PDB file of N, CA and C in Angstrom:
ATOM      1  N   MET A   1      45.980 123.447  68.382  1.00  0.00           N
ATOM      2  CA  MET A   1      47.401 124.694  67.901  1.00  0.00           C
ATOM      3  C   MET A   1      48.247 123.989  68.759  1.00  0.00           C
ATOM      4  N   SER A   2      49.146 123.886  68.734  1.00  0.00           N
ATOM      5  CA  SER A   2      50.395 123.875  69.236  1.00  0.00           C
ATOM      6  C   SER A   2      51.459 124.650  69.310  1.00  0.00           C
ATOM      7  N   VAL A   3      51.873 124.833  70.278  1.00  0.00           N
ATOM      8  CA  VAL A   3      53.420 125.962  70.713  1.00  0.00           C
ATOM      9  C   VAL A   3      54.786 125.211  71.276  1.00  0.00           C
ATOM     10  N   GLU A   4      55.450 125.157  70.098  1.00  0.00           N
ATOM     11  CA  GLU A   4      56.874 124.757  70.291  1.00  0.00           C
ATOM     12  C   GLU A   4      57.878 125.856  70.922  1.00  0.00           C
ATOM     13  N   ILE A   5      58.518 125.710  71.717  1.00  0.00           N
ATOM     14  CA  ILE A   5      59.043 126.462  72.776  1.00  0.00           C
ATOM     15  C   ILE A   5      60.493 125.659  72.798  1.00  0.00           C
ATOM     16  N   LYS A   6      61.402 126.312  72.311  1.00  0.00           N
ATOM     17  CA  LYS A   6      63.270 126.288  71.960  1.00  0.00           C
ATOM     18  C   LYS A   6      63.793 126.676  73.270  1.00  0.00           C
ATOM     19  N   LEU A   7      64.560 125.802  74.068  1.00  0.00           N
ATOM     20  CA  LEU A   7      65.192 126.681  75.162  1.00  0.00           C
ATOM     21  C   LEU A   7      66.986 126.241  74.878  1.00  0.00           C
ATOM     22  N   THR A   8      67.577 127.546  74.684  1.00  0.00           N
ATOM     23  CA  THR A   8      69.030 127.191  74.464  1.00  0.00           C
ATOM     24  C   THR A   8      69.817 127.850  76.238  1.00  0.00           C
ATOM     25  N   PRO A   9      69.888 126.503  76.603  1.00  0.00           N
ATOM     26  CA  PRO A   9      70.707 126.976  77.926  1.00  0.00           C
ATOM     27  C   PRO A   9      72.199 127.551  77.609  1.00  0.00           C
ATOM     28  N   ASP A  10      72.356 128.472  78.162  1.00  0.00           N
ATOM     29  CA  ASP A  10      73.501 129.531  78.454  1.00  0.00           C
ATOM     30  C   ASP A  10      74.537 128.503  78.909  1.00  0.00           C
ATOM     31  N   ASN A  11      75.897 129.012  79.086  1.00  0.00           N
ATOM     32  CA  ASN A  11      77.384 128.182  79.298  1.00  0.00           C
ATOM     33  C   ASN A  11      77.097 128.589  80.911  1.00  0.00           C
ATOM     34  N   GLU A  12      76.588 129.419  81.707  1.00  0.00           N
ATOM     35  CA  GLU A  12      76.560 128.747  83.004  1.00  0.00           C
ATOM     36  C   GLU A  12      75.776 127.801  83.336  1.00  0.00           C
ATOM     37  N   PHE A  13      74.700 127.641  82.794  1.00  0.00           N
ATOM     38  CA  PHE A  13      73.505 126.596  82.861  1.00  0.00           C
ATOM     39  C   PHE A  13      74.159 124.917  82.413  1.00  0.00           C
ATOM     40  N   ARG A  14      74.700 125.465  81.567  1.00  0.00           N
ATOM     41  CA  ARG A  14      75.867 123.954  81.244  1.00  0.00           C
ATOM     42  C   ARG A  14      76.838 123.562  81.997  1.00  0.00           C
ATOM     43  N   THR A  15      77.444 124.124  82.212  1.00  0.00           N
ATOM     44  CA  THR A  15      78.621 124.050  83.315  1.00  0.00           C
ATOM     45  C   THR A  15      77.826 123.526  84.786  1.00  0.00           C
ATOM     46  N   MET A  16      76.876 124.115  85.049  1.00  0.00           N
ATOM     47  CA  MET A  16      76.269 123.584  86.280  1.00  0.00           C
ATOM     48  C   MET A  16      75.700 122.329  86.630  1.00  0.00           C
ATOM     49  N   VAL A  17      75.276 122.137  84.733  1.00  0.00           N
ATOM     50  CA  VAL A  17      74.933 120.684  84.799  1.00  0.00           C
ATOM     51  C   VAL A  17      76.114 119.930  84.622  1.00  0.00           C
ATOM     52  N   VAL A  18      77.089 120.237  84.022  1.00  0.00           N
ATOM     53  CA  VAL A  18      78.251 119.235  83.892  1.00  0.00           C
ATOM     54  C   VAL A  18      78.966 119.038  85.328  1.00  0.00           C
ATOM     55  N   ASP A  19      79.104 120.213  85.922  1.00  0.00           N
ATOM     56  CA  ASP A  19      79.624 120.047  87.328  1.00  0.00           C
ATOM     57  C   ASP A  19      78.681 118.853  88.207  1.00  0.00           C
ATOM     58  N   ALA A  20      77.830 119.139  88.128  1.00  0.00           N
ATOM     59  CA  ALA A  20      76.865 118.199  89.030  1.00  0.00           C
ATOM     60  C   ALA A  20      77.131 116.622  88.339  1.00  0.00           C
ATOM     61  N   ILE A  21      76.705 116.715  87.545  1.00  0.00           N
ATOM     62  CA  ILE A  21      77.568 115.218  86.688  1.00  0.00           C
ATOM     63  C   ILE A  21      78.674 114.608  87.194  1.00  0.00           C
ATOM     64  N   ALA A  22      79.491 115.663  86.992  1.00  0.00           N
ATOM     65  CA  ALA A  22      80.966 114.887  86.966  1.00  0.00           C
ATOM     66  C   ALA A  22      81.153 114.994  88.917  1.00  0.00           C
ATOM     67  N   GLY A  23      80.209 115.486  89.885  1.00  0.00           N
ATOM     68  CA  GLY A  23      80.615 115.007  91.018  1.00  0.00           C
ATOM     69  C   GLY A  23      79.692 113.759  91.192  1.00  0.00           C
ATOM     70  N   GLU A  24      78.492 113.617  90.639  1.00  0.00           N
ATOM     71  CA  GLU A  24      78.078 112.365  91.139  1.00  0.00           C
ATOM     72  C   GLU A  24      78.606 111.546  90.675  1.00  0.00           C
ATOM     73  N   PHE A  25      79.339 111.310  89.622  1.00  0.00           N
ATOM     74  CA  PHE A  25      80.257 110.576  89.033  1.00  0.00           C
ATOM     75  C   PHE A  25      81.529 110.093  89.717  1.00  0.00           C
ATOM     76  N   ARG A  26      82.041 111.291  90.301  1.00  0.00           N
ATOM     77  CA  ARG A  26      83.260 111.039  91.329  1.00  0.00           C
ATOM     78  C   ARG A  26      82.565 110.426  92.624  1.00  0.00           C
ATOM     79  N   ARG A  27      81.262 110.567  93.377  1.00  0.00           N
ATOM     80  CA  ARG A  27      80.788 109.875  94.025  1.00  0.00           C
ATOM     81  C   ARG A  27      80.534 108.311  93.833  1.00  0.00           C
ATOM     82  N   ILE A  28      79.834 108.038  92.865  1.00  0.00           N
ATOM     83  CA  ILE A  28      79.547 106.460  92.650  1.00  0.00           C
ATOM     84  C   ILE A  28      80.944 105.982  92.678  1.00  0.00           C
ATOM     85  N   THR A  29      82.227 106.460  92.116  1.00  0.00           N
ATOM     86  CA  THR A  29      83.293 105.955  91.888  1.00  0.00           C
ATOM     87  C   THR A  29      84.222 105.600  92.954  1.00  0.00           C
ATOM     88  N   ASP A  30      84.200 106.450  93.973  1.00  0.00           N
ATOM     89  CA  ASP A  30      84.598 106.234  95.194  1.00  0.00           C
ATOM     90  C   ASP A  30      83.458 105.250  96.012  1.00  0.00           C
ATOM     91  N   VAL A  31      82.364 105.278  96.106  1.00  0.00           N
ATOM     92  CA  VAL A  31      81.789 103.994  96.898  1.00  0.00           C
ATOM     93  C   VAL A  31      82.141 102.782  96.001  1.00  0.00           C
ATOM     94  N   LEU A  32      82.374 102.756  94.407  1.00  0.00           N
ATOM     95  CA  LEU A  32      82.474 101.416  93.767  1.00  0.00           C
ATOM     96  C   LEU A  32      83.825 100.821  94.499  1.00  0.00           C
ATOM     97  N   SER A  33      84.744 102.025  94.671  1.00  0.00           N
ATOM     98  CA  SER A  33      86.532 101.754  95.221  1.00  0.00           C
ATOM     99  C   SER A  33      86.445 101.159  96.422  1.00  0.00           C
ATOM    100  N   GLU A  34      85.399 101.941  97.189  1.00  0.00           N
ATOM    101  CA  GLU A  34      85.560 101.553  98.734  1.00  0.00           C
ATOM    102  C   GLU A  34      85.013  99.589  98.792  1.00  0.00           C
ATOM    103  N   ASN A  35      83.955  99.505  98.095  1.00  0.00           N
ATOM    104  CA  ASN A  35      83.314  98.168  98.024  1.00  0.00           C
ATOM    105  C   ASN A  35      84.271  97.144  97.546  1.00  0.00           C
ATOM    106  N   VAL A  36      85.048  97.535  96.221  1.00  0.00           N
ATOM    107  CA  VAL A  36      86.088  96.665  95.925  1.00  0.00           C
ATOM    108  C   VAL A  36      87.302  96.323  96.935  1.00  0.00           C
ATOM    109  N   GLU A  37      87.756  96.971  97.957  1.00  0.00           N
ATOM    110  CA  GLU A  37      88.688  96.803  98.779  1.00  0.00           C
ATOM    111  C   GLU A  37      88.257  95.971  99.959  1.00  0.00           C
ATOM    112  N   ARG A  38      86.558  96.134 100.342  1.00  0.00           N
ATOM    113  CA  ARG A  38      86.066  95.240 101.582  1.00  0.00           C
ATOM    114  C   ARG A  38      85.487  93.659 100.711  1.00  0.00           C
ATOM    115  N   ARG A  39      85.812  93.283  99.335  1.00  0.00           N
ATOM    116  CA  ARG A  39      85.336  92.419  98.806  1.00  0.00           C
ATOM    117  C   ARG A  39      85.636  90.980  99.326  1.00  0.00           C
ATOM    118  N   TYR A  40      84.461  90.284  99.419  1.00  0.00           N
ATOM    119  CA  TYR A  40      84.803  88.807  99.794  1.00  0.00           C
ATOM    120  C   TYR A  40      84.354  87.927  98.567  1.00  0.00           C
ATOM    121  N   LEU A  41      85.397  86.824  98.525  1.00  0.00           N
ATOM    122  CA  LEU A  41      85.253  86.151  97.157  1.00  0.00           C
ATOM    123  C   LEU A  41      84.537  84.760  98.148  1.00  0.00           C
ATOM    124  N   THR A  42      83.759  84.250  96.867  1.00  0.00           N
ATOM    125  CA  THR A  42      82.842  82.768  97.042  1.00  0.00           C
ATOM    126  C   THR A  42      83.619  81.891  97.043  1.00  0.00           C
ATOM    127  N   SER A  43      83.413  80.385  97.130  1.00  0.00           N
ATOM    128  CA  SER A  43      84.269  79.316  97.063  1.00  0.00           C
ATOM    129  C   SER A  43      84.675  79.277  95.258  1.00  0.00           C
ATOM    130  N   ALA A  44      83.523  79.747  94.848  1.00  0.00           N
ATOM    131  CA  ALA A  44      83.593  79.480  93.078  1.00  0.00           C
ATOM    132  C   ALA A  44      84.419  80.326  92.907  1.00  0.00           C
ATOM    133  N   GLU A  45      84.095  81.789  92.945  1.00  0.00           N
ATOM    134  CA  GLU A  45      85.466  82.941  92.540  1.00  0.00           C
ATOM    135  C   GLU A  45      86.452  82.328  92.787  1.00  0.00           C
ATOM    136  N   LEU A  46      86.625  81.516  93.860  1.00  0.00           N
ATOM    137  CA  LEU A  46      88.330  81.355  94.171  1.00  0.00           C
ATOM    138  C   LEU A  46      88.590  80.524  93.540  1.00  0.00           C
ATOM    139  N   MET A  47      87.815  79.573  93.554  1.00  0.00           N
ATOM    140  CA  MET A  47      88.443  78.314  92.370  1.00  0.00           C
ATOM    141  C   MET A  47      88.279  78.733  90.817  1.00  0.00           C
ATOM    142  N   ASP A  48      87.786  79.862  90.358  1.00  0.00           N
ATOM    143  CA  ASP A  48      88.100  80.249  89.277  1.00  0.00           C
ATOM    144  C   ASP A  48      89.354  80.954  89.335  1.00  0.00           C
ATOM    145  N   LEU A  49      89.573  81.776  90.112  1.00  0.00           N
ATOM    146  CA  LEU A  49      90.606  82.862  90.321  1.00  0.00           C
ATOM    147  C   LEU A  49      91.766  81.883  90.543  1.00  0.00           C
ATOM    148  N   LEU A  50      92.137  81.073  91.269  1.00  0.00           N
ATOM    149  CA  LEU A  50      92.966  80.063  91.294  1.00  0.00           C
ATOM    150  C   LEU A  50      93.255  78.844  90.389  1.00  0.00           C
ATOM    151  N   HIS A  51      92.248  78.383  89.737  1.00  0.00           N
ATOM    152  CA  HIS A  51      92.084  77.017  88.986  1.00  0.00           C
ATOM    153  C   HIS A  51      92.217  75.795  90.012  1.00  0.00           C
ATOM    154  N   ILE A  52      91.423  76.120  90.833  1.00  0.00           N
ATOM    155  CA  ILE A  52      91.776  74.667  91.726  1.00  0.00           C
ATOM    156  C   ILE A  52      90.241  74.275  91.721  1.00  0.00           C
ATOM    157  N   CYS A  53      90.074  73.074  92.375  1.00  0.00           N
ATOM    158  CA  CYS A  53      88.786  72.610  92.881  1.00  0.00           C
ATOM    159  C   CYS A  53      88.406  72.748  94.144  1.00  0.00           C
ATOM    160  N   ARG A  54      87.181  72.471  94.322  1.00  0.00           N
ATOM    161  CA  ARG A  54      86.695  72.770  95.696  1.00  0.00           C
ATOM    162  C   ARG A  54      87.097  71.933  96.923  1.00  0.00           C
ATOM    163  N   THR A  55      87.644  70.533  96.330  1.00  0.00           N
ATOM    164  CA  THR A  55      88.268  69.641  97.384  1.00  0.00           C
ATOM    165  C   THR A  55      89.637  70.077  97.684  1.00  0.00           C
ATOM    166  N   LYS A  56      90.483  70.952  97.073  1.00  0.00           N
ATOM    167  CA  LYS A  56      91.604  71.777  97.171  1.00  0.00           C
ATOM    168  C   LYS A  56      91.244  73.134  97.989  1.00  0.00           C
ATOM    169  N   VAL A  57      90.168  74.047  97.995  1.00  0.00           N
ATOM    170  CA  VAL A  57      89.972  74.671  98.837  1.00  0.00           C
ATOM    171  C   VAL A  57      90.036  74.301  99.894  1.00  0.00           C
ATOM    172  N   TRP A  58      89.124  73.229 100.239  1.00  0.00           N
ATOM    173  CA  TRP A  58      89.270  72.876 101.773  1.00  0.00           C
ATOM    174  C   TRP A  58      90.092  72.397 101.909  1.00  0.00           C
ATOM    175  N   SER A  59      91.274  71.527 101.444  1.00  0.00           N
ATOM    176  CA  SER A  59      92.278  71.456 102.290  1.00  0.00           C
ATOM    177  C   SER A  59      93.192  72.508 102.307  1.00  0.00           C
ATOM    178  N   LEU A  60      93.420  73.447 101.516  1.00  0.00           N
ATOM    179  CA  LEU A  60      94.366  74.785 101.771  1.00  0.00           C
ATOM    180  C   LEU A  60      93.520  75.420 102.988  1.00  0.00           C
ATOM    181  N   VAL A  61      92.139  75.461 103.206  1.00  0.00           N
ATOM    182  CA  VAL A  61      91.511  76.128 104.299  1.00  0.00           C
ATOM    183  C   VAL A  61      91.889  75.296 105.653  1.00  0.00           C
ATOM    184  N   HIS A  62      91.566  74.019 105.612  1.00  0.00           N
ATOM    185  CA  HIS A  62      92.133  72.993 106.953  1.00  0.00           C
ATOM    186  C   HIS A  62      93.482  72.721 106.863  1.00  0.00           C
ATOM    187  N   HIS A  63      94.281  72.681 105.944  1.00  0.00           N
ATOM    188  CA  HIS A  63      95.227  72.259 106.254  1.00  0.00           C
ATOM    189  C   HIS A  63      96.506  73.494 106.389  1.00  0.00           C
ATOM    190  N   GLU A  64      96.370  74.442 105.328  1.00  0.00           N
ATOM    191  CA  GLU A  64      97.245  75.270 104.936  1.00  0.00           C
ATOM    192  C   GLU A  64      97.008  76.750 105.407  1.00  0.00           C
ATOM    193  N   GLY A  65      96.091  76.941 106.500  1.00  0.00           N
ATOM    194  CA  GLY A  65      95.668  78.217 106.540  1.00  0.00           C
ATOM    195  C   GLY A  65      94.757  79.056 105.888  1.00  0.00           C
ATOM    196  N   LEU A  66      94.396  78.951 104.637  1.00  0.00           N
ATOM    197  CA  LEU A  66      93.694  79.836 103.722  1.00  0.00           C
ATOM    198  C   LEU A  66      92.738  80.742 104.354  1.00  0.00           C
ATOM    199  N   PRO A  67      92.956  82.070 104.706  1.00  0.00           N
ATOM    200  CA  PRO A  67      92.101  82.985 105.284  1.00  0.00           C
ATOM    201  C   PRO A  67      90.190  82.573 104.683  1.00  0.00           C
ATOM    202  N   CYS A  68      89.651  82.283 105.693  1.00  0.00           N
ATOM    203  CA  CYS A  68      88.123  82.452 105.049  1.00  0.00           C
ATOM    204  C   CYS A  68      87.170  82.770 106.107  1.00  0.00           C
ATOM    205  N   VAL A  69      86.086  83.242 106.067  1.00  0.00           N
ATOM    206  CA  VAL A  69      85.197  83.210 107.412  1.00  0.00           C
ATOM    207  C   VAL A  69      84.187  82.517 106.689  1.00  0.00           C
ATOM    208  N   LYS A  70      83.437  82.320 107.828  1.00  0.00           N
ATOM    209  CA  LYS A  70      82.046  80.955 107.970  1.00  0.00           C
ATOM    210  C   LYS A  70      81.146  81.888 108.061  1.00  0.00           C
ATOM    211  N   LEU A  71      80.192  81.822 107.012  1.00  0.00           N
ATOM    212  CA  LEU A  71      78.522  82.747 107.692  1.00  0.00           C
ATOM    213  C   LEU A  71      77.503  81.657 107.081  1.00  0.00           C
ATOM    214  N   GLY A  72      77.139  81.261 107.409  1.00  0.00           N
ATOM    215  CA  GLY A  72      75.622  80.492 107.264  1.00  0.00           C
ATOM    216  C   GLY A  72      76.143  79.457 106.332  1.00  0.00           C
ATOM    217  N   GLY A  73      77.330  78.574 106.812  1.00  0.00           N
ATOM    218  CA  GLY A  73      77.714  77.580 106.320  1.00  0.00           C
ATOM    219  C   GLY A  73      78.214  77.404 104.785  1.00  0.00           C
ATOM    220  N   LYS A  74      78.196  78.950 104.614  1.00  0.00           N
ATOM    221  CA  LYS A  74      78.980  79.295 103.297  1.00  0.00           C
ATOM    222  C   LYS A  74      80.210  79.799 103.654  1.00  0.00           C
ATOM    223  N   LEU A  75      81.539  79.331 103.018  1.00  0.00           N
ATOM    224  CA  LEU A  75      82.719  80.055 103.297  1.00  0.00           C
ATOM    225  C   LEU A  75      82.942  81.304 102.069  1.00  0.00           C
ATOM    226  N   LEU A  76      83.688  82.194 102.838  1.00  0.00           N
ATOM    227  CA  LEU A  76      83.735  83.603 102.437  1.00  0.00           C
ATOM    228  C   LEU A  76      85.194  83.485 102.419  1.00  0.00           C
ATOM    229  N   PHE A  77      86.002  84.523 101.241  1.00  0.00           N
ATOM    230  CA  PHE A  77      87.303  84.589 101.560  1.00  0.00           C
ATOM    231  C   PHE A  77      87.504  86.090 101.340  1.00  0.00           C
ATOM    232  N   PRO A  78      88.086  86.475 102.192  1.00  0.00           N
ATOM    233  CA  PRO A  78      88.695  88.158 101.919  1.00  0.00           C
ATOM    234  C   PRO A  78      89.417  88.296 101.301  1.00  0.00           C
ATOM    235  N   GLN A  79      89.096  89.228  99.600  1.00  0.00           N
ATOM    236  CA  GLN A  79      90.326  89.192  99.046  1.00  0.00           C
ATOM    237  C   GLN A  79      91.648  90.405  99.493  1.00  0.00           C
ATOM    238  N   LYS A  80      91.806  90.818 100.451  1.00  0.00           N
ATOM    239  CA  LYS A  80      92.791  91.603 100.834  1.00  0.00           C
ATOM    240  C   LYS A  80      93.716  90.451 101.777  1.00  0.00           C
ATOM    241  N   ALA A  81      92.797  89.726 102.675  1.00  0.00           N
ATOM    242  CA  ALA A  81      93.978  88.621 103.536  1.00  0.00           C
ATOM    243  C   ALA A  81      94.023  87.730 102.459  1.00  0.00           C
ATOM    244  N   LEU A  82      93.376  86.971 101.199  1.00  0.00           N
ATOM    245  CA  LEU A  82      93.827  85.937 100.343  1.00  0.00           C
ATOM    246  C   LEU A  82      95.384  86.357  99.453  1.00  0.00           C
ATOM    247  N   ASP A  83      95.294  87.928  99.256  1.00  0.00           N
ATOM    248  CA  ASP A  83      96.663  88.796  98.553  1.00  0.00           C
ATOM    249  C   ASP A  83      97.848  88.554  99.673  1.00  0.00           C
ATOM    250  N   GLU A  84      97.667  88.609 100.852  1.00  0.00           N
ATOM    251  CA  GLU A  84      98.614  88.722 101.572  1.00  0.00           C
ATOM    252  C   GLU A  84      99.028  87.321 102.190  1.00  0.00           C
ATOM    253  N   TRP A  85      98.269  86.402 101.900  1.00  0.00           N
ATOM    254  CA  TRP A  85      98.306  85.078 102.115  1.00  0.00           C
ATOM    255  C   TRP A  85      99.071  84.555 100.980  1.00  0.00           C
ATOM    256  N   ILE A  86      98.877  85.000  99.715  1.00  0.00           N
ATOM    257  CA  ILE A  86      99.593  84.444  98.546  1.00  0.00           C
ATOM    258  C   ILE A  86     101.132  84.651  98.487  1.00  0.00           C
ATOM    259  N   LYS A  87     100.904  86.259  98.593  1.00  0.00           N
ATOM    260  CA  LYS A  87     102.502  86.867  98.639  1.00  0.00           C
ATOM    261  C   LYS A  87     103.333  85.986  99.319  1.00  0.00           C
ATOM    262  N   ALA A  88     102.727  85.778 101.042  1.00  0.00           N
ATOM    263  CA  ALA A  88     103.842  84.961 101.700  1.00  0.00           C
ATOM    264  C   ALA A  88     104.148  83.497 101.075  1.00  0.00           C
ATOM    265  N   ARG A  89     103.612  82.939 100.050  1.00  0.00           N
ATOM    266  CA  ARG A  89     103.840  81.937  99.924  1.00  0.00           C
ATOM    267  C   ARG A  89     104.519  81.721  97.984  1.00  0.00           C
ATOM    268  N   ILE A  90     104.938  83.001  97.789  1.00  0.00           N
ATOM    269  CA  ILE A  90     105.687  83.356  96.737  1.00  0.00           C
ATOM    270  C   ILE A  90     107.334  82.703  96.904  1.00  0.00           C
ATOM    271  N   VAL A  91     107.728  81.769  95.841  1.00  0.00           N
ATOM    272  CA  VAL A  91     108.541  80.879  96.099  1.00  0.00           C
ATOM    273  C   VAL A  91     109.271  81.454  94.700  1.00  0.00           C
ATOM    274  N   ASP A  92     111.346  81.603  95.154  1.00  0.00           N
ATOM    275  CA  ASP A  92     111.822  81.617  93.482  1.00  0.00           C
ATOM    276  C   ASP A  92     111.556  80.201  92.967  1.00  0.00           C
ATOM    277  N   ALA A  93     111.139  80.067  91.666  1.00  0.00           N
ATOM    278  CA  ALA A  93     110.944  79.307  90.935  1.00  0.00           C
ATOM    279  C   ALA A  93     112.321  78.773  90.576  1.00  0.00           C
ATOM    280  N   TYR A  94     113.616  79.675  90.374  1.00  0.00           N
ATOM    281  CA  TYR A  94     114.980  78.809  89.804  1.00  0.00           C
ATOM    282  C   TYR A  94     115.977  78.228  90.999  1.00  0.00           C
ATOM    283  N   GLU A  95     115.152  78.714  92.263  1.00  0.00           N
ATOM    284  CA  GLU A  95     116.107  77.730  93.433  1.00  0.00           C
ATOM    285  C   GLU A  95     115.625  76.425  93.642  1.00  0.00           C
ATOM    286  N   PRO A  96     116.169  75.643  93.930  1.00  0.00           N
ATOM    287  CA  PRO A  96     115.720  74.359  94.118  1.00  0.00           C
ATOM    288  C   PRO A  96     115.299  74.093  95.699  1.00  0.00           C
ATOM    289  N   GLU A  97     113.910  73.517  95.765  1.00  0.00           N
ATOM    290  CA  GLU A  97     113.575  73.341  97.311  1.00  0.00           C
ATOM    291  C   GLU A  97     114.362  72.333  98.093  1.00  0.00           C
ATOM    292  N   SER A  98     114.941  72.545  98.990  1.00  0.00           N
ATOM    293  CA  SER A  98     115.431  71.799  99.734  1.00  0.00           C
ATOM    294  C   SER A  98     114.867  70.416 100.303  1.00  0.00           C
ATOM    295  N   THR A  99     115.422  69.522  99.979  1.00  0.00           N
ATOM    296  CA  THR A  99     114.774  68.286 101.158  1.00  0.00           C
ATOM    297  C   THR A  99     115.512  67.891 102.127  1.00  0.00           C
ATOM    298  N   PRO A 100     114.870  67.490 103.197  1.00  0.00           N
ATOM    299  CA  PRO A 100     115.009  67.392 104.260  1.00  0.00           C
ATOM    300  C   PRO A 100     115.814  65.645 104.243  1.00  0.00           C
TER     301      PRO A 100
END
């Protein structure tokens, strides 16, 4: 013989569950947004992002001051510093470059 019990939560219980889920969702979203701000790109990700080859990455690091961190023989590129480095190099495409 089996007994079937049907529970029907009242509105207060439903509200409590929804609030708990919403709170957890906000916490996870906050953690993810913090991690995005501190994100580092690998050389491969940078090459994909800028559509350049590995040789060009090394050239930009050594000759143009591309910001990076060397960690265990691997270069990591801080996203925020890259954004600033790129913004500093924005040129007006309609203005001819001056030639010395």
